[in-house]
């Protein structure tokens, strides 16, 4: 009897998994629509779009062109980066590189960060009319979207690669429980414990271990009152 129940459970799980896979495969959307789906307020749509993106990338079915999941191959940006080092005219820089300035901390007066596409970030130093190229890094874009006012459950956000960026527990629209922030490689970077919207414990990954941090570091993120 127990064996029969076990088999029935396995069949049920298989049917659910097949149905989910079918839904994902039936998600006939362009890469641009899939990217927009990562910002959808519906958790199921976000998850389906993320899984579809992961499938496209893993099977090499994505199309590398501007506006898609992967806009340019790494070689494209590294070739430009090396060609225009160490410095160039500011107007020329904006023609060749400028896409979207982003606000990173610390952001000193002459240090600027630019998001070149969904995968690449450029750090530069600006001196009057000259721009020095300092660092080109792969830094996956993630798509923050907040839950509704009364949401209860685990709320996930995603990177452009389809991997999870964060998973946060909410109770009636307030962070309550554990929030896990993942690196673009899928490793846990931070863990925050919340009690009714306030952080009570904070852990950061250091050398493969989770180390408790002083809550004063949250001043940087604006979470500490």
Protein backbone atom coordinates (compact mmCIF):
# COMPACT_ATOMS: atom_id res chain seq x y z
CA UNK A 1 0.00 0.00 0.00
CA UNK A 2 2.80 2.42 0.93
CA UNK A 3 4.56 1.58 -2.32
CA UNK A 4 1.38 2.31 -4.28
CA UNK A 5 0.98 5.69 -2.55
CA UNK A 6 4.65 6.48 -3.30
CA UNK A 7 4.17 5.67 -7.00
CA UNK A 8 1.01 7.79 -7.17
CA UNK A 9 2.90 10.72 -5.59
CA UNK A 10 5.73 10.34 -8.10
CA UNK A 11 3.26 10.29 -11.00
CA UNK A 12 1.54 13.39 -9.61
CA UNK A 13 4.87 15.23 -9.33
CA UNK A 14 5.80 14.17 -12.86
CA UNK A 15 2.48 15.45 -14.23
CA UNK A 16 2.93 18.81 -12.47
CA UNK A 17 6.52 19.11 -13.73
CA UNK A 18 5.45 18.24 -17.26
CA UNK A 19 2.64 20.79 -17.14
CA UNK A 20 5.04 23.47 -15.91
CA UNK A 21 7.57 22.60 -18.62
CA UNK A 22 4.80 22.68 -21.22
CA UNK A 23 3.71 26.11 -20.05
CA UNK A 24 7.28 27.35 -20.27
CA UNK A 25 7.81 25.89 -23.72
CA UNK A 26 4.50 27.39 -24.86
CA UNK A 27 5.65 30.83 -23.70
CA UNK A 28 6.06 32.21 -27.22
CA UNK A 29 7.69 35.55 -26.47
CA UNK A 30 10.50 37.53 -28.01
CA UNK A 31 13.67 38.10 -26.02
CA UNK A 32 12.60 41.69 -25.40
CA UNK A 33 9.25 40.51 -24.04
CA UNK A 34 10.98 37.97 -21.81
CA UNK A 35 13.18 40.74 -20.40
CA UNK A 36 10.10 42.86 -19.71
CA UNK A 37 8.56 39.81 -18.05
CA UNK A 38 11.30 39.85 -15.41
CA UNK A 39 9.73 43.11 -14.15
CA UNK A 40 6.16 41.81 -14.18
CA UNK A 41 4.26 42.10 -10.90
CA UNK A 42 2.96 38.54 -11.35
CA UNK A 43 5.46 36.12 -9.70
CA UNK A 44 4.46 33.25 -12.02
CA UNK A 45 5.14 35.31 -15.14
CA UNK A 46 8.52 36.42 -13.77
CA UNK A 47 9.47 32.84 -12.95
CA UNK A 48 8.36 31.49 -16.33
CA UNK A 49 10.26 34.22 -18.16
CA UNK A 50 13.36 33.52 -16.05
CA UNK A 51 13.22 29.79 -16.79
CA UNK A 52 12.71 30.45 -20.50
CA UNK A 53 15.71 32.81 -20.55
CA UNK A 54 17.86 30.22 -18.76
CA UNK A 55 16.80 27.62 -21.35
CA UNK A 56 17.62 29.94 -24.24
CA UNK A 57 21.06 30.76 -22.88
CA UNK A 58 21.94 27.18 -21.92
CA UNK A 59 20.97 25.87 -25.37
CA UNK A 60 22.49 28.79 -27.27
CA UNK A 61 19.14 29.72 -28.83
CA UNK A 62 19.36 33.39 -27.87
CA UNK A 63 20.12 35.97 -30.56
CA UNK A 64 22.98 38.38 -29.87
CA UNK A 65 21.74 41.79 -30.94
CA UNK A 66 20.93 45.14 -29.34
CA UNK A 67 17.88 44.98 -27.08
CA UNK A 68 18.02 41.21 -26.61
CA UNK A 69 19.11 39.21 -23.58
CA UNK A 70 22.74 39.25 -24.72
CA UNK A 71 23.25 42.44 -26.68
CA UNK A 72 26.94 42.09 -27.51
CA UNK A 73 29.50 39.31 -26.97
CA UNK A 74 32.22 40.04 -24.36
CA UNK A 75 34.82 40.33 -27.14
CA UNK A 76 32.99 43.35 -28.57
CA UNK A 77 33.38 45.43 -25.40
CA UNK A 78 36.87 44.19 -24.50
CA UNK A 79 38.11 45.06 -27.98
CA UNK A 80 36.71 48.59 -27.62
CA UNK A 81 38.00 48.90 -24.07
CA UNK A 82 41.55 47.97 -25.10
CA UNK A 83 41.47 50.08 -28.24
CA UNK A 84 40.55 53.32 -26.44
CA UNK A 85 42.69 52.96 -23.32
CA UNK A 86 44.06 54.82 -21.50
CA UNK A 87 42.10 57.99 -22.27
CA UNK A 88 39.93 59.65 -24.87
CA UNK A 89 38.01 62.83 -25.56
CA UNK A 90 34.75 63.06 -23.57
CA UNK A 91 32.57 63.66 -26.65
CA UNK A 92 34.18 60.72 -28.42
CA UNK A 93 33.65 58.54 -25.34
CA UNK A 94 29.94 59.30 -25.31
CA UNK A 95 29.69 58.39 -29.00
CA UNK A 96 31.52 55.09 -28.56
CA UNK A 97 30.52 53.87 -25.09
CA UNK A 98 27.84 55.92 -23.39
CA UNK A 99 24.68 53.96 -22.68
CA UNK A 100 23.31 54.59 -19.20
CA UNK A 101 24.96 56.08 -16.13
CA UNK A 102 24.27 54.17 -12.95
CA UNK A 103 24.67 55.20 -9.34
CA UNK A 104 27.15 53.00 -7.48
CA UNK A 105 28.59 53.66 -4.00
CA UNK A 106 31.12 55.02 -3.54
CA UNK A 107 30.69 57.34 -6.51
CA UNK A 108 33.37 60.03 -6.24
CA UNK A 109 33.02 63.23 -8.21
CA UNK A 110 35.32 62.13 -11.03
CA UNK A 111 34.39 58.42 -10.99
CA UNK A 112 31.44 57.32 -13.08
CA UNK A 113 29.85 53.94 -13.80
CA UNK A 114 28.03 53.12 -17.02
CA UNK A 115 25.81 50.18 -17.85
CA UNK A 116 26.80 49.29 -21.43
CA UNK A 117 24.25 46.52 -21.87
CA UNK A 118 22.52 43.89 -19.73
CA UNK A 119 25.84 42.19 -18.92
CA UNK A 120 28.64 44.77 -19.00
CA UNK A 121 29.52 47.71 -16.75
CA UNK A 122 32.24 50.28 -17.37
CA UNK A 123 34.03 52.37 -14.72
CA UNK A 124 35.73 55.56 -15.87
CA UNK A 125 37.47 58.60 -14.41
CA UNK A 126 36.58 61.98 -15.86
CA UNK A 127 39.11 64.83 -15.93
CA UNK A 128 37.67 67.95 -17.54
CA UNK A 129 37.39 66.97 -21.22
CA UNK A 130 39.23 63.65 -20.91
CA UNK A 131 37.87 60.25 -19.93
CA UNK A 132 40.10 57.46 -18.61
CA UNK A 133 38.80 53.91 -19.03
CA UNK A 134 39.52 52.11 -15.76
CA UNK A 135 37.58 48.84 -15.60
CA UNK A 136 35.25 46.78 -17.78
CA UNK A 137 33.34 44.20 -15.76
CA UNK A 138 30.65 41.61 -16.30
CA UNK A 139 27.92 42.70 -13.92
CA UNK A 140 24.52 41.19 -14.65
CA UNK A 141 21.56 43.54 -14.61
CA UNK A 142 18.78 42.55 -12.22
CA UNK A 143 15.16 43.63 -12.28
CA UNK A 144 13.78 44.87 -8.96
CA UNK A 145 10.02 44.75 -8.54
CA UNK A 146 8.15 45.19 -5.26
CA UNK A 147 5.27 42.99 -4.08
CA UNK A 148 1.79 44.31 -3.45
CA UNK A 149 0.79 46.06 -0.25
CA UNK A 150 -0.58 42.89 1.36
CA UNK A 151 1.64 40.23 -0.17
CA UNK A 152 2.49 37.22 2.00
CA UNK A 153 5.06 34.65 0.89
CA UNK A 154 8.50 34.48 -0.70
CA UNK A 155 9.08 37.22 -3.29
CA UNK A 156 11.79 36.55 -5.90
CA UNK A 157 13.59 38.87 -8.28
CA UNK A 158 15.83 37.80 -11.16
CA UNK A 159 18.99 38.58 -13.06
CA UNK A 160 18.97 38.98 -16.84
CA UNK A 161 20.45 35.46 -17.01
CA UNK A 162 17.28 34.05 -15.43
CA UNK A 163 18.98 33.18 -12.14
CA UNK A 164 17.49 34.37 -8.85
CA UNK A 165 18.81 37.70 -7.54
CA UNK A 166 16.89 37.75 -4.27
CA UNK A 167 14.31 35.75 -2.33
CA UNK A 168 12.57 37.62 0.49
CA UNK A 169 9.88 36.56 2.95
CA UNK A 170 6.94 38.96 3.33
CA UNK A 171 3.99 39.07 5.70
CA UNK A 172 1.11 41.38 4.72
CA UNK A 173 3.38 43.43 2.46
CA UNK A 174 6.16 43.83 5.05
CA UNK A 175 9.54 42.06 5.06
CA UNK A 176 9.32 39.50 7.81
CA UNK A 177 11.67 36.55 7.96
CA UNK A 178 14.70 35.89 5.79
CA UNK A 179 15.96 37.75 2.73
CA UNK A 180 18.65 36.03 0.65
CA UNK A 181 20.63 37.98 -1.96
CA UNK A 182 22.51 35.91 -4.54
CA UNK A 183 25.55 36.77 -6.61
CA UNK A 184 25.32 36.62 -10.40
CA UNK A 185 27.06 33.22 -10.13
CA UNK A 186 24.29 31.79 -7.94
CA UNK A 187 26.16 31.90 -4.63
CA UNK A 188 24.65 33.47 -1.52
CA UNK A 189 26.13 36.95 -0.98
CA UNK A 190 24.00 38.33 1.84
CA UNK A 191 21.40 37.09 4.31
CA UNK A 192 19.16 39.50 6.21
CA UNK A 193 16.79 38.56 9.00
CA UNK A 194 13.76 40.85 9.26
CA UNK A 195 11.27 41.39 12.04
CA UNK A 196 8.29 43.48 10.95
CA UNK A 197 10.31 45.37 8.34
CA UNK A 198 13.45 45.95 10.41
CA UNK A 199 16.73 44.09 9.98
CA UNK A 200 17.70 42.22 13.15
CA UNK A 201 20.63 40.16 11.80
CA UNK A 202 22.90 40.63 8.82
CA UNK A 203 25.30 38.08 7.30
CA UNK A 204 27.75 38.39 4.42
CA UNK A 205 29.67 35.72 2.55
CA UNK A 206 33.42 35.96 3.14
CA UNK A 207 35.79 33.31 1.80
CA UNK A 208 32.96 30.81 1.50
CA UNK A 209 31.60 31.38 5.02
CA UNK A 210 28.66 33.43 6.25
CA UNK A 211 29.93 36.06 8.70
CA UNK A 212 27.68 38.26 10.84
CA UNK A 213 28.07 41.97 10.07
CA UNK A 214 27.41 45.04 12.20
CA UNK A 215 24.04 46.54 11.35
CA UNK A 216 25.68 49.95 10.92
CA UNK A 217 26.64 48.86 7.41
CA UNK A 218 22.96 49.22 6.50
CA UNK A 219 23.39 52.99 6.67
CA UNK A 220 24.85 52.68 3.18
CA UNK A 221 21.71 50.98 1.90
CA UNK A 222 19.34 53.31 3.71
CA UNK A 223 17.62 50.48 5.57
CA UNK A 224 18.69 51.45 9.05
CA UNK A 225 16.61 54.08 10.81
